[in-house]
Amino acid sequence: MKFELDCGWAIAAGQKPIELFKAHAGRFRMLHVKDFQLKGKPTYSLFGPERPTGTELGRGQIDYKPIFAAAQTVGVEYFFSEQEPPITNMKPMDAAKANFDYMRGL
């Protein structure tokens, strides 16, 4: 059985994707990639003031360069970008382009 790891929410909850790759080598086939402005302490909150604020890739606090490098060594084949709402500073297609450009640069 293979899994898709939601890296953004894993990090928001205090997990480290690279350590998850090591602990479960060969189990992750896909990565769900999103960026957040984190609130400081780990959270599972989907609502309220503890919920991290979604932002475009490369504009939050998650550094995907080492995560992508490690992912390629453990068999991850697919990377999916998702823009967490709300998008307040740009149009959705502009956010998608920013995410694509960030991922392409890795």
Protein backbone atom coordinates (compact mmCIF):
# COMPACT_ATOMS: atom_id res chain seq x y z
CA MET A 1 0.00 0.00 0.00
CA LYS A 2 1.30 3.46 -0.95
CA PHE A 3 0.31 6.78 0.56
CA GLU A 4 0.11 10.47 -0.22
CA LEU A 5 1.65 12.66 2.47
CA ASP A 6 0.15 16.09 3.02
CA CYS A 7 3.40 17.88 3.86
CA GLY A 8 1.86 21.20 4.82
CA TRP A 9 -0.48 19.78 7.43
CA ALA A 10 2.12 17.28 8.65
CA ILE A 11 4.50 20.16 9.36
CA ALA A 12 1.72 22.28 10.92
CA ALA A 13 1.06 19.35 13.28
CA GLY A 14 4.73 19.20 14.28
CA GLN A 15 5.78 16.26 12.10
CA LYS A 16 8.92 16.19 9.94
CA PRO A 17 8.35 14.76 6.44
CA ILE A 18 11.96 13.66 6.00
CA GLU A 19 11.77 11.62 9.21
CA LEU A 20 8.47 10.13 8.03
CA PHE A 21 10.16 9.13 4.76
CA LYS A 22 12.92 7.38 6.70
CA ALA A 23 10.52 5.63 9.07
CA HIS A 24 8.26 4.46 6.23
CA ALA A 25 10.64 4.19 3.27
CA GLY A 26 8.94 3.17 0.05
CA ARG A 27 5.42 3.85 1.38
CA PHE A 28 4.94 7.37 0.02
CA ARG A 29 4.22 7.64 -3.68
CA MET A 30 2.74 11.16 -3.70
CA LEU A 31 3.22 14.45 -1.88
CA HIS A 32 0.52 17.02 -1.29
CA VAL A 33 2.41 20.32 -1.28
CA LYS A 34 1.17 23.54 0.32
CA ASP A 35 2.68 26.37 2.31
CA PHE A 36 1.57 28.05 5.52
CA GLN A 37 2.28 30.99 7.76
CA LEU A 38 2.52 28.91 10.92
CA LYS A 39 1.28 30.18 14.28
CA GLY A 40 4.22 28.91 16.33
CA LYS A 41 3.21 25.75 18.13
CA PRO A 42 2.06 22.55 16.39
CA THR A 43 -1.65 22.46 15.65
CA TYR A 44 -4.34 20.25 14.17
CA SER A 45 -6.83 23.13 14.16
CA LEU A 46 -8.81 23.57 10.96
CA PHE A 47 -10.68 26.57 12.36
CA GLY A 48 -10.03 29.41 14.74
CA PRO A 49 -6.97 31.45 15.64
CA GLU A 50 -4.60 28.45 15.85
CA ARG A 51 -5.24 27.46 12.20
CA PRO A 52 -2.18 28.21 10.04
CA THR A 53 -2.74 30.70 7.24
CA GLY A 54 -2.36 29.29 3.73
CA THR A 55 -0.10 31.08 1.28
CA GLU A 56 1.59 30.43 -2.04
CA LEU A 57 4.56 28.07 -2.13
CA GLY A 58 7.76 29.81 -1.17
CA ARG A 59 5.94 32.60 0.65
CA GLY A 60 5.30 30.72 3.88
CA GLN A 61 7.57 28.99 6.35
CA ILE A 62 7.95 25.55 4.77
CA ASP A 63 11.23 24.90 2.96
CA TYR A 64 10.43 22.25 0.37
CA LYS A 65 13.91 22.00 -1.17
CA PRO A 66 15.22 19.40 1.34
CA ILE A 67 11.83 17.66 1.42
CA PHE A 68 11.78 17.25 -2.38
CA ALA A 69 15.38 16.03 -2.39
CA ALA A 70 14.62 13.41 0.27
CA ALA A 71 11.35 12.44 -1.44
CA GLN A 72 13.16 11.51 -4.62
CA THR A 73 15.40 9.09 -2.70
CA VAL A 74 12.46 7.15 -1.24
CA GLY A 75 10.34 6.66 -4.34
CA VAL A 76 7.96 9.63 -4.37
CA GLU A 77 6.76 10.00 -7.95
CA TYR A 78 4.07 12.68 -7.89
CA PHE A 79 3.87 16.12 -6.32
CA PHE A 80 0.51 17.91 -6.10
CA SER A 81 0.14 21.57 -5.21
CA GLU A 82 -2.91 22.82 -3.33
CA GLN A 83 -3.63 26.41 -2.43
CA GLU A 84 -5.21 26.60 1.01
CA PRO A 85 -7.90 29.27 1.24
CA PRO A 86 -8.30 32.08 1.63
CA ILE A 87 -6.33 33.61 -1.20
CA THR A 88 -6.49 37.29 -0.43
CA ASN A 89 -3.51 38.79 -2.18
CA MET A 90 -3.92 37.38 -5.71
CA LYS A 91 -6.27 35.69 -8.14
CA PRO A 92 -6.46 31.87 -7.95
CA MET A 93 -4.72 31.33 -11.31
CA ASP A 94 -1.92 33.70 -10.28
CA ALA A 95 -1.50 31.66 -7.08
CA ALA A 96 -1.41 28.45 -9.15
CA LYS A 97 1.30 29.96 -11.35
CA ALA A 98 3.33 31.04 -8.30
CA ASN A 99 3.06 27.49 -6.92
CA PHE A 100 4.04 25.96 -10.26
CA ASP A 101 7.02 28.29 -10.63
CA TYR A 102 8.21 27.46 -7.10
CA MET A 103 7.94 23.70 -7.62
CA ARG A 104 9.55 23.88 -11.03
CA GLY A 105 12.51 25.71 -9.48
CA LEU A 106 13.15 22.81 -7.12
